[in-house]
Amino acid sequence: MSPHAPPPLPRFDRTLLRAVEKIVPAASRADWLRTWHAELWHTHHRRPRSFSVAADLSLGLACDALWLRAESWRVAFGGTAVLCLATLAGLCVFSGVLTLAMGGGWRPLWPHLAAQLQYFLFAAPLVTFVSFGTASRGQAGPRSTGRAAFQIRRGLFLTTKTNLTLLLSFLLSVNLCLPLHAFLPATADLLQILFFVIFALIALRWVFADQEQRCQQCLRALASPARVGRPTYNLLEWNGTEQVCKQGHGLLSVPEMESSWRQSSQWVDLAPSWDQPASV
């Protein structure tokens, strides 16, 4: 080693960096390694280093790597259809486990749950039909354009999301009325049906609103709502809200009020270079 070369890091620091760098996303790993290598070298060779300082640096190094990984996941999956369905499925699983715990297991719960499932299979299509029939054009979603593959994917997403929300509404209504069933079974059954209808109507309203506010190409949730127009000029110019896709696919124009020239939301495709600076 050259006499002017800086001394290397201690073995513990090198091992820690090699172990934690695997958590950091590949795109940020090189910069992260250089930054923390410099920080560890400085604290080891330029000032006295106590055990508390080493512990704080080790904890900060690990937390920084975990934050970068979580941020990369947030950017990759934030607002996607996969995250929406996974969240709903997780809530259904949690509600199902809670139902089994409150009922004392599957066997004692099944006779009561089988009767409620019959009501659910009968009421769910009716609630879905009523919710879709009474939804406004904006809540039902704008007219989709694009390839047939995307239309199928969009329809599957809507169908799966609707089924998961209906199942979650059913499980929530069962959990609310299950403690009452041992004392007042008839009243509990009526309340369970009532709660299911209320929860399902609220959930389906959210399903239609969420479906509308998604990109017509990648199904990501739209962001950055911006107010356009003046409320006092409803009859003279366009007035409403615009939401844009984070991936730059397009924007959704939602009118403030229905009129003869704009009765529902309208999707506007954007050119691939819409956010690129103009060349000089």
C-alpha atoms as a PDB file:
ATOM      1  CA  MET A   1       0.000   0.000   0.000  1.00  0.00           C
ATOM      2  CA  SER A   2       1.310   3.481  -0.842  1.00  0.00           C
ATOM      3  CA  PRO A   3       2.354   5.567   2.191  1.00  0.00           C
ATOM      4  CA  HIS A   4       0.061   8.377   1.015  1.00  0.00           C
ATOM      5  CA  ALA A   5      -2.992   6.152   0.495  1.00  0.00           C
ATOM      6  CA  PRO A   6      -5.720   6.493   3.141  1.00  0.00           C
ATOM      7  CA  PRO A   7      -6.036   3.571   5.536  1.00  0.00           C
ATOM      8  CA  PRO A   8      -8.904   1.180   4.762  1.00  0.00           C
ATOM      9  CA  LEU A   9     -12.061   0.849   6.774  1.00  0.00           C
ATOM     10  CA  PRO A  10     -12.129  -1.573   9.691  1.00  0.00           C
ATOM     11  CA  ARG A  11     -13.408  -5.072   8.963  1.00  0.00           C
ATOM     12  CA  PHE A  12     -16.673  -4.477  10.846  1.00  0.00           C
ATOM     13  CA  ASP A  13     -17.516  -1.440   8.687  1.00  0.00           C
ATOM     14  CA  ARG A  14     -16.697  -3.268   5.450  1.00  0.00           C
ATOM     15  CA  THR A  15     -18.820  -6.248   6.485  1.00  0.00           C
ATOM     16  CA  LEU A  16     -21.696  -3.973   7.461  1.00  0.00           C
ATOM     17  CA  LEU A  17     -21.598  -2.163   4.128  1.00  0.00           C
ATOM     18  CA  ARG A  18     -21.549  -5.433   2.164  1.00  0.00           C
ATOM     19  CA  ALA A  19     -24.480  -6.798   4.175  1.00  0.00           C
ATOM     20  CA  VAL A  20     -26.702  -3.718   3.992  1.00  0.00           C
ATOM     21  CA  GLU A  21     -25.974  -2.667   0.401  1.00  0.00           C
ATOM     22  CA  LYS A  22     -28.138  -5.531  -0.861  1.00  0.00           C
ATOM     23  CA  ILE A  23     -31.201  -3.769   0.555  1.00  0.00           C
ATOM     24  CA  VAL A  24     -30.539  -0.591  -1.431  1.00  0.00           C
ATOM     25  CA  PRO A  25     -32.082  -0.456  -4.942  1.00  0.00           C
ATOM     26  CA  ALA A  26     -29.545  -1.148  -7.677  1.00  0.00           C
ATOM     27  CA  ALA A  27     -29.983   2.289  -9.263  1.00  0.00           C
ATOM     28  CA  SER A  28     -28.970   4.070  -6.035  1.00  0.00           C
ATOM     29  CA  ARG A  29     -26.461   1.545  -4.700  1.00  0.00           C
ATOM     30  CA  ALA A  30     -23.261   3.089  -6.080  1.00  0.00           C
ATOM     31  CA  ASP A  31     -23.971   6.588  -4.727  1.00  0.00           C
ATOM     32  CA  TRP A  32     -25.141   5.120  -1.421  1.00  0.00           C
ATOM     33  CA  LEU A  33     -21.926   3.118  -1.032  1.00  0.00           C
ATOM     34  CA  ARG A  34     -19.705   6.120  -1.769  1.00  0.00           C
ATOM     35  CA  THR A  35     -21.605   8.340   0.671  1.00  0.00           C
ATOM     36  CA  TRP A  36     -21.581   5.904   3.564  1.00  0.00           C
ATOM     37  CA  HIS A  37     -18.016   4.780   2.888  1.00  0.00           C
ATOM     38  CA  ALA A  38     -16.897   8.401   3.219  1.00  0.00           C
ATOM     39  CA  GLU A  39     -18.975   8.916   6.372  1.00  0.00           C
ATOM     40  CA  LEU A  40     -17.626   5.799   8.067  1.00  0.00           C
ATOM     41  CA  TRP A  41     -14.050   6.590   7.088  1.00  0.00           C
ATOM     42  CA  HIS A  42     -14.364  10.141   8.433  1.00  0.00           C
ATOM     43  CA  THR A  43     -15.782   9.070  11.781  1.00  0.00           C
ATOM     44  CA  HIS A  44     -13.150   6.349  12.165  1.00  0.00           C
ATOM     45  CA  HIS A  45      -9.989   8.285  11.184  1.00  0.00           C
ATOM     46  CA  ARG A  46     -10.738  11.955  11.823  1.00  0.00           C
ATOM     47  CA  ARG A  47     -12.288  11.972  15.285  1.00  0.00           C
ATOM     48  CA  PRO A  48     -12.509   9.678  18.308  1.00  0.00           C
ATOM     49  CA  ARG A  49     -15.116   6.988  17.781  1.00  0.00           C
ATOM     50  CA  SER A  50     -16.998   5.629  20.762  1.00  0.00           C
ATOM     51  CA  PHE A  51     -19.314   2.654  20.918  1.00  0.00           C
ATOM     52  CA  SER A  52     -22.392   4.903  20.907  1.00  0.00           C
ATOM     53  CA  VAL A  53     -21.223   6.680  17.761  1.00  0.00           C
ATOM     54  CA  ALA A  54     -20.604   3.361  15.998  1.00  0.00           C
ATOM     55  CA  ALA A  55     -24.036   2.069  17.043  1.00  0.00           C
ATOM     56  CA  ASP A  56     -25.746   5.258  15.837  1.00  0.00           C
ATOM     57  CA  LEU A  57     -23.973   5.084  12.486  1.00  0.00           C
ATOM     58  CA  SER A  58     -24.816   1.403  12.036  1.00  0.00           C
ATOM     59  CA  LEU A  59     -28.479   2.067  12.834  1.00  0.00           C
ATOM     60  CA  GLY A  60     -28.576   5.111  10.563  1.00  0.00           C
ATOM     61  CA  LEU A  61     -26.942   3.166   7.728  1.00  0.00           C
ATOM     62  CA  ALA A  62     -29.519   0.379   7.973  1.00  0.00           C
ATOM     63  CA  CYS A  63     -32.460   2.792   8.271  1.00  0.00           C
ATOM     64  CA  ASP A  64     -31.248   4.748   5.248  1.00  0.00           C
ATOM     65  CA  ALA A  65     -31.049   1.565   3.163  1.00  0.00           C
ATOM     66  CA  LEU A  66     -34.514   0.447   4.281  1.00  0.00           C
ATOM     67  CA  TRP A  67     -35.973   3.868   3.472  1.00  0.00           C
ATOM     68  CA  LEU A  68     -34.496   3.793  -0.039  1.00  0.00           C
ATOM     69  CA  ARG A  69     -35.954   0.328  -0.616  1.00  0.00           C
ATOM     70  CA  ALA A  70     -39.376   1.368   0.706  1.00  0.00           C
ATOM     71  CA  GLU A  71     -39.300   4.515  -1.425  1.00  0.00           C
ATOM     72  CA  SER A  72     -38.485   2.486  -4.537  1.00  0.00           C
ATOM     73  CA  TRP A  73     -41.459   0.211  -3.797  1.00  0.00           C
ATOM     74  CA  ARG A  74     -43.689   3.245  -3.235  1.00  0.00           C
ATOM     75  CA  VAL A  75     -42.700   4.708  -6.605  1.00  0.00           C
ATOM     76  CA  ALA A  76     -43.072   1.357  -8.386  1.00  0.00           C
ATOM     77  CA  PHE A  77     -46.375   0.242  -6.848  1.00  0.00           C
ATOM     78  CA  GLY A  78     -47.977   3.455  -5.574  1.00  0.00           C
ATOM     79  CA  GLY A  79     -51.446   3.891  -7.023  1.00  0.00           C
ATOM     80  CA  THR A  80     -51.283   0.734  -9.157  1.00  0.00           C
ATOM     81  CA  ALA A  81     -54.118  -1.720  -9.635  1.00  0.00           C
ATOM     82  CA  VAL A  82     -51.996  -4.459  -8.060  1.00  0.00           C
ATOM     83  CA  LEU A  83     -51.609  -2.468  -4.845  1.00  0.00           C
ATOM     84  CA  CYS A  84     -55.345  -1.711  -4.760  1.00  0.00           C
ATOM     85  CA  LEU A  85     -56.323  -5.374  -5.140  1.00  0.00           C
ATOM     86  CA  ALA A  86     -53.650  -6.531  -2.687  1.00  0.00           C
ATOM     87  CA  THR A  87     -54.906  -4.067  -0.068  1.00  0.00           C
ATOM     88  CA  LEU A  88     -58.499  -5.209  -0.486  1.00  0.00           C
ATOM     89  CA  ALA A  89     -57.455  -8.864  -0.362  1.00  0.00           C
ATOM     90  CA  GLY A  90     -55.441  -8.225   2.798  1.00  0.00           C
ATOM     91  CA  LEU A  91     -58.410  -6.545   4.455  1.00  0.00           C
ATOM     92  CA  CYS A  92     -60.612  -9.504   3.506  1.00  0.00           C
ATOM     93  CA  VAL A  93     -58.119 -11.960   4.985  1.00  0.00           C
ATOM     94  CA  PHE A  94     -57.863  -9.934   8.184  1.00  0.00           C
ATOM     95  CA  SER A  95     -61.658  -9.717   8.485  1.00  0.00           C
ATOM     96  CA  GLY A  96     -61.976 -13.460   7.831  1.00  0.00           C
ATOM     97  CA  VAL A  97     -59.439 -14.294  10.544  1.00  0.00           C
ATOM     98  CA  LEU A  98     -61.272 -11.975  12.926  1.00  0.00           C
ATOM     99  CA  THR A  99     -64.558 -13.721  12.095  1.00  0.00           C
ATOM    100  CA  LEU A 100     -63.060 -17.137  12.851  1.00  0.00           C
ATOM    101  CA  ALA A 101     -61.594 -15.859  16.119  1.00  0.00           C
ATOM    102  CA  MET A 102     -64.912 -14.366  17.238  1.00  0.00           C
ATOM    103  CA  GLY A 103     -66.848 -17.500  16.219  1.00  0.00           C
ATOM    104  CA  GLY A 104     -64.537 -19.896  18.044  1.00  0.00           C
ATOM    105  CA  GLY A 105     -63.287 -21.668  14.938  1.00  0.00           C
ATOM    106  CA  TRP A 106     -64.590 -22.946  11.640  1.00  0.00           C
ATOM    107  CA  ARG A 107     -66.817 -25.783  12.831  1.00  0.00           C
ATOM    108  CA  PRO A 108     -69.011 -23.866  15.323  1.00  0.00           C
ATOM    109  CA  LEU A 109     -69.174 -20.900  12.958  1.00  0.00           C
ATOM    110  CA  TRP A 110     -70.124 -22.744   9.775  1.00  0.00           C
ATOM    111  CA  PRO A 111     -73.894 -23.314  10.466  1.00  0.00           C
ATOM    112  CA  HIS A 112     -74.425 -19.605  11.072  1.00  0.00           C
ATOM    113  CA  LEU A 113     -72.097 -18.550   8.244  1.00  0.00           C
ATOM    114  CA  ALA A 114     -73.757 -20.870   5.695  1.00  0.00           C
ATOM    115  CA  ALA A 115     -77.142 -19.190   6.207  1.00  0.00           C
ATOM    116  CA  GLN A 116     -75.578 -15.737   5.909  1.00  0.00           C
ATOM    117  CA  LEU A 117     -73.783 -16.743   2.713  1.00  0.00           C
ATOM    118  CA  GLN A 118     -77.112 -17.564   1.105  1.00  0.00           C
ATOM    119  CA  TYR A 119     -78.363 -14.055   1.886  1.00  0.00           C
ATOM    120  CA  PHE A 120     -75.075 -12.650   0.579  1.00  0.00           C
ATOM    121  CA  LEU A 121     -75.267 -14.527  -2.747  1.00  0.00           C
ATOM    122  CA  PHE A 122     -78.824 -13.264  -3.214  1.00  0.00           C
ATOM    123  CA  ALA A 123     -78.315  -9.656  -2.110  1.00  0.00           C
ATOM    124  CA  ALA A 124     -74.904  -8.945  -3.667  1.00  0.00           C
ATOM    125  CA  PRO A 125     -76.063  -8.969  -7.336  1.00  0.00           C
ATOM    126  CA  LEU A 126     -79.074  -6.809  -6.463  1.00  0.00           C
ATOM    127  CA  VAL A 127     -76.952  -4.245  -4.623  1.00  0.00           C
ATOM    128  CA  THR A 128     -74.448  -4.177  -7.494  1.00  0.00           C
ATOM    129  CA  PHE A 129     -77.194  -3.665 -10.069  1.00  0.00           C
ATOM    130  CA  VAL A 130     -78.826  -0.866  -8.068  1.00  0.00           C
ATOM    131  CA  SER A 131     -75.482   0.879  -7.432  1.00  0.00           C
ATOM    132  CA  PHE A 132     -74.472   0.736 -11.080  1.00  0.00           C
ATOM    133  CA  GLY A 133     -77.907   1.825 -12.262  1.00  0.00           C
ATOM    134  CA  THR A 134     -78.088   4.819  -9.941  1.00  0.00           C
ATOM    135  CA  ALA A 135     -74.479   5.943 -10.478  1.00  0.00           C
ATOM    136  CA  SER A 136     -73.973   9.042 -12.568  1.00  0.00           C
ATOM    137  CA  ARG A 137     -72.029   8.884 -15.801  1.00  0.00           C
ATOM    138  CA  GLY A 138     -68.996  10.346 -14.112  1.00  0.00           C
ATOM    139  CA  GLN A 139     -69.048   7.768 -11.333  1.00  0.00           C
ATOM    140  CA  ALA A 140     -69.543   4.933 -13.794  1.00  0.00           C
ATOM    141  CA  GLY A 141     -66.322   6.010 -15.494  1.00  0.00           C
ATOM    142  CA  PRO A 142     -65.391   7.660 -18.793  1.00  0.00           C
ATOM    143  CA  ARG A 143     -65.495   5.799 -22.057  1.00  0.00           C
ATOM    144  CA  SER A 144     -62.339   3.726 -22.394  1.00  0.00           C
ATOM    145  CA  THR A 145     -60.251   3.729 -25.530  1.00  0.00           C
ATOM    146  CA  GLY A 146     -57.377   1.544 -26.581  1.00  0.00           C
ATOM    147  CA  ARG A 147     -56.553  -2.029 -27.400  1.00  0.00           C
ATOM    148  CA  ALA A 148     -58.745  -4.994 -26.614  1.00  0.00           C
ATOM    149  CA  ALA A 149     -56.134  -6.386 -24.212  1.00  0.00           C
ATOM    150  CA  PHE A 150     -56.358  -3.267 -22.075  1.00  0.00           C
ATOM    151  CA  GLN A 151     -60.158  -3.362 -22.146  1.00  0.00           C
ATOM    152  CA  ILE A 152     -60.067  -6.930 -20.831  1.00  0.00           C
ATOM    153  CA  ARG A 153     -57.545  -6.005 -18.142  1.00  0.00           C
ATOM    154  CA  ARG A 154     -59.594  -3.002 -17.099  1.00  0.00           C
ATOM    155  CA  GLY A 155     -62.761  -5.101 -16.913  1.00  0.00           C
ATOM    156  CA  LEU A 156     -61.030  -7.791 -14.866  1.00  0.00           C
ATOM    157  CA  PHE A 157     -59.722  -5.151 -12.491  1.00  0.00           C
ATOM    158  CA  LEU A 158     -63.197  -3.681 -12.012  1.00  0.00           C
ATOM    159  CA  THR A 159     -64.766  -7.128 -11.535  1.00  0.00           C
ATOM    160  CA  THR A 160     -62.158  -8.267  -9.025  1.00  0.00           C
ATOM    161  CA  LYS A 161     -62.309  -4.997  -7.113  1.00  0.00           C
ATOM    162  CA  THR A 162     -66.108  -5.183  -6.945  1.00  0.00           C
ATOM    163  CA  ASN A 163     -66.081  -8.772  -5.684  1.00  0.00           C
ATOM    164  CA  LEU A 164     -63.471  -8.014  -3.033  1.00  0.00           C
ATOM    165  CA  THR A 165     -65.359  -4.983  -1.738  1.00  0.00           C
ATOM    166  CA  LEU A 166     -68.606  -6.968  -1.578  1.00  0.00           C
ATOM    167  CA  LEU A 167     -66.849  -9.771   0.303  1.00  0.00           C
ATOM    168  CA  LEU A 168     -65.274  -7.268   2.685  1.00  0.00           C
ATOM    169  CA  SER A 169     -68.678  -5.664   3.308  1.00  0.00           C
ATOM    170  CA  PHE A 170     -70.143  -9.077   4.074  1.00  0.00           C
ATOM    171  CA  LEU A 171     -67.369  -9.978   6.524  1.00  0.00           C
ATOM    172  CA  LEU A 172     -67.648  -6.624   8.289  1.00  0.00           C
ATOM    173  CA  SER A 173     -71.403  -7.019   8.691  1.00  0.00           C
ATOM    174  CA  VAL A 174     -70.920 -10.539  10.083  1.00  0.00           C
ATOM    175  CA  ASN A 175     -68.312  -9.329  12.568  1.00  0.00           C
ATOM    176  CA  LEU A 176     -70.597  -6.568  13.806  1.00  0.00           C
ATOM    177  CA  CYS A 177     -73.602  -8.827  14.358  1.00  0.00           C
ATOM    178  CA  LEU A 178     -71.895 -12.031  15.451  1.00  0.00           C
ATOM    179  CA  PRO A 179     -71.777 -11.149  19.185  1.00  0.00           C
ATOM    180  CA  LEU A 180     -75.527 -10.419  19.107  1.00  0.00           C
ATOM    181  CA  HIS A 181     -76.436 -13.689  17.411  1.00  0.00           C
ATOM    182  CA  ALA A 182     -76.139 -15.782  20.580  1.00  0.00           C
ATOM    183  CA  PHE A 183     -78.845 -13.733  22.357  1.00  0.00           C
ATOM    184  CA  LEU A 184     -81.100 -12.437  19.551  1.00  0.00           C
ATOM    185  CA  PRO A 185     -80.550 -14.585  16.424  1.00  0.00           C
ATOM    186  CA  ALA A 186     -83.454 -13.200  14.391  1.00  0.00           C
ATOM    187  CA  THR A 187     -82.551  -9.586  15.152  1.00  0.00           C
ATOM    188  CA  ALA A 188     -78.893 -10.273  14.413  1.00  0.00           C
ATOM    189  CA  ASP A 189     -79.756 -11.737  11.013  1.00  0.00           C
ATOM    190  CA  LEU A 190     -81.849  -8.702  10.065  1.00  0.00           C
ATOM    191  CA  LEU A 191     -79.167  -6.291  11.241  1.00  0.00           C
ATOM    192  CA  GLN A 192     -76.521  -8.236   9.366  1.00  0.00           C
ATOM    193  CA  ILE A 193     -78.446  -7.877   6.101  1.00  0.00           C
ATOM    194  CA  LEU A 194     -79.033  -4.178   6.756  1.00  0.00           C
ATOM    195  CA  PHE A 195     -75.364  -3.528   7.547  1.00  0.00           C
ATOM    196  CA  PHE A 196     -74.263  -5.453   4.476  1.00  0.00           C
ATOM    197  CA  VAL A 197     -76.490  -3.401   2.185  1.00  0.00           C
ATOM    198  CA  ILE A 198     -75.226  -0.124   3.691  1.00  0.00           C
ATOM    199  CA  PHE A 199     -71.569  -1.147   3.552  1.00  0.00           C
ATOM    200  CA  ALA A 200     -71.937  -2.523   0.026  1.00  0.00           C
ATOM    201  CA  LEU A 201     -73.576   0.654  -1.299  1.00  0.00           C
ATOM    202  CA  ILE A 202     -70.818   2.814   0.179  1.00  0.00           C
ATOM    203  CA  ALA A 203     -68.116   0.450  -1.092  1.00  0.00           C
ATOM    204  CA  LEU A 204     -69.518   0.286  -4.626  1.00  0.00           C
ATOM    205  CA  ARG A 205     -69.734   4.062  -4.800  1.00  0.00           C
ATOM    206  CA  TRP A 206     -66.033   4.111  -3.982  1.00  0.00           C
ATOM    207  CA  VAL A 207     -65.371   1.405  -6.606  1.00  0.00           C
ATOM    208  CA  PHE A 208     -66.965   3.454  -9.383  1.00  0.00           C
ATOM    209  CA  ALA A 209     -65.245   6.673  -8.287  1.00  0.00           C
ATOM    210  CA  ASP A 210     -61.873   4.922  -8.079  1.00  0.00           C
ATOM    211  CA  GLN A 211     -62.368   3.325 -11.486  1.00  0.00           C
ATOM    212  CA  GLU A 212     -63.026   6.720 -13.022  1.00  0.00           C
ATOM    213  CA  GLN A 213     -59.940   8.326 -11.515  1.00  0.00           C
ATOM    214  CA  ARG A 214     -57.470   5.894 -13.064  1.00  0.00           C
ATOM    215  CA  CYS A 215     -55.293   6.138 -16.132  1.00  0.00           C
ATOM    216  CA  GLN A 216     -56.754   4.763 -19.353  1.00  0.00           C
ATOM    217  CA  GLN A 217     -53.461   3.016 -20.176  1.00  0.00           C
ATOM    218  CA  CYS A 218     -51.704   1.841 -16.999  1.00  0.00           C
ATOM    219  CA  LEU A 219     -54.628   1.834 -14.492  1.00  0.00           C
ATOM    220  CA  ARG A 220     -52.639   3.916 -11.993  1.00  0.00           C
ATOM    221  CA  ALA A 221     -54.534   6.300  -9.756  1.00  0.00           C
ATOM    222  CA  LEU A 222     -54.473   9.822 -11.156  1.00  0.00           C
ATOM    223  CA  ALA A 223     -52.811  12.569  -9.161  1.00  0.00           C
ATOM    224  CA  SER A 224     -52.218  16.328  -9.003  1.00  0.00           C
ATOM    225  CA  PRO A 225     -55.835  17.562  -9.259  1.00  0.00           C
ATOM    226  CA  ALA A 226     -55.924  21.118 -10.600  1.00  0.00           C
ATOM    227  CA  ARG A 227     -58.852  23.493 -10.815  1.00  0.00           C
ATOM    228  CA  VAL A 228     -59.472  24.884 -14.328  1.00  0.00           C
ATOM    229  CA  GLY A 229     -61.909  27.657 -15.233  1.00  0.00           C
ATOM    230  CA  ARG A 230     -64.082  29.981 -13.171  1.00  0.00           C
ATOM    231  CA  PRO A 231     -67.261  28.813 -11.393  1.00  0.00           C
ATOM    232  CA  THR A 232     -69.212  31.875 -12.532  1.00  0.00           C
ATOM    233  CA  TYR A 233     -68.549  31.042 -16.200  1.00  0.00           C
ATOM    234  CA  ASN A 234     -70.179  27.610 -16.318  1.00  0.00           C
ATOM    235  CA  LEU A 235     -72.264  28.474 -19.386  1.00  0.00           C
ATOM    236  CA  LEU A 236     -69.470  30.309 -21.223  1.00  0.00           C
ATOM    237  CA  GLU A 237     -66.332  28.222 -20.797  1.00  0.00           C
ATOM    238  CA  TRP A 238     -65.121  24.902 -19.431  1.00  0.00           C
ATOM    239  CA  ASN A 239     -65.013  24.675 -15.670  1.00  0.00           C
ATOM    240  CA  GLY A 240     -63.918  21.722 -13.610  1.00  0.00           C
ATOM    241  CA  THR A 241     -60.951  19.676 -12.388  1.00  0.00           C
ATOM    242  CA  GLU A 242     -58.108  18.020 -14.255  1.00  0.00           C
ATOM    243  CA  GLN A 243     -56.093  15.051 -12.964  1.00  0.00           C
ATOM    244  CA  VAL A 244     -52.972  13.765 -14.657  1.00  0.00           C
ATOM    245  CA  CYS A 245     -51.289  10.369 -14.873  1.00  0.00           C
ATOM    246  CA  LYS A 246     -47.872  10.309 -13.178  1.00  0.00           C
ATOM    247  CA  GLN A 247     -46.506   8.277 -16.086  1.00  0.00           C
ATOM    248  CA  GLY A 248     -47.504  10.977 -18.584  1.00  0.00           C
ATOM    249  CA  HIS A 249     -50.138   8.935 -20.434  1.00  0.00           C
ATOM    250  CA  GLY A 250     -52.893  11.540 -20.276  1.00  0.00           C
ATOM    251  CA  LEU A 251     -55.231  13.572 -18.130  1.00  0.00           C
ATOM    252  CA  LEU A 252     -58.846  13.341 -17.022  1.00  0.00           C
ATOM    253  CA  SER A 253     -61.136  16.373 -17.312  1.00  0.00           C
ATOM    254  CA  VAL A 254     -63.988  16.274 -14.798  1.00  0.00           C
ATOM    255  CA  PRO A 255     -66.652  18.992 -15.325  1.00  0.00           C
ATOM    256  CA  GLU A 256     -67.991  20.886 -12.342  1.00  0.00           C
ATOM    257  CA  MET A 257     -71.564  20.342 -13.536  1.00  0.00           C
ATOM    258  CA  GLU A 258     -73.242  18.380 -16.311  1.00  0.00           C
ATOM    259  CA  SER A 259     -74.166  20.456 -19.366  1.00  0.00           C
ATOM    260  CA  SER A 260     -75.262  19.867 -22.922  1.00  0.00           C
ATOM    261  CA  TRP A 261     -71.677  20.108 -24.206  1.00  0.00           C
ATOM    262  CA  ARG A 262     -69.992  18.111 -21.415  1.00  0.00           C
ATOM    263  CA  GLN A 263     -72.115  15.519 -19.595  1.00  0.00           C
ATOM    264  CA  SER A 264     -69.344  13.290 -18.249  1.00  0.00           C
ATOM    265  CA  SER A 265     -65.624  13.100 -17.658  1.00  0.00           C
ATOM    266  CA  GLN A 266     -63.326  13.077 -20.681  1.00  0.00           C
ATOM    267  CA  TRP A 267     -59.956  11.365 -21.040  1.00  0.00           C
ATOM    268  CA  VAL A 268     -57.290  13.234 -23.039  1.00  0.00           C
ATOM    269  CA  ASP A 269     -54.237  11.335 -24.322  1.00  0.00           C
ATOM    270  CA  LEU A 270     -50.963  13.222 -24.118  1.00  0.00           C
ATOM    271  CA  ALA A 271     -48.047  12.997 -26.528  1.00  0.00           C
ATOM    272  CA  PRO A 272     -44.982  11.108 -25.262  1.00  0.00           C
ATOM    273  CA  SER A 273     -42.982  14.365 -25.168  1.00  0.00           C
ATOM    274  CA  TRP A 274     -45.612  16.507 -23.435  1.00  0.00           C
ATOM    275  CA  ASP A 275     -43.398  17.184 -20.397  1.00  0.00           C
ATOM    276  CA  GLN A 276     -40.091  17.485 -22.276  1.00  0.00           C
ATOM    277  CA  PRO A 277     -38.482  20.941 -22.636  1.00  0.00           C
ATOM    278  CA  ALA A 278     -38.697  22.463 -26.076  1.00  0.00           C
ATOM    279  CA  SER A 279     -35.496  22.370 -28.112  1.00  0.00           C
ATOM    280  CA  VAL A 280     -33.860  25.675 -28.906  1.00  0.00           C
END
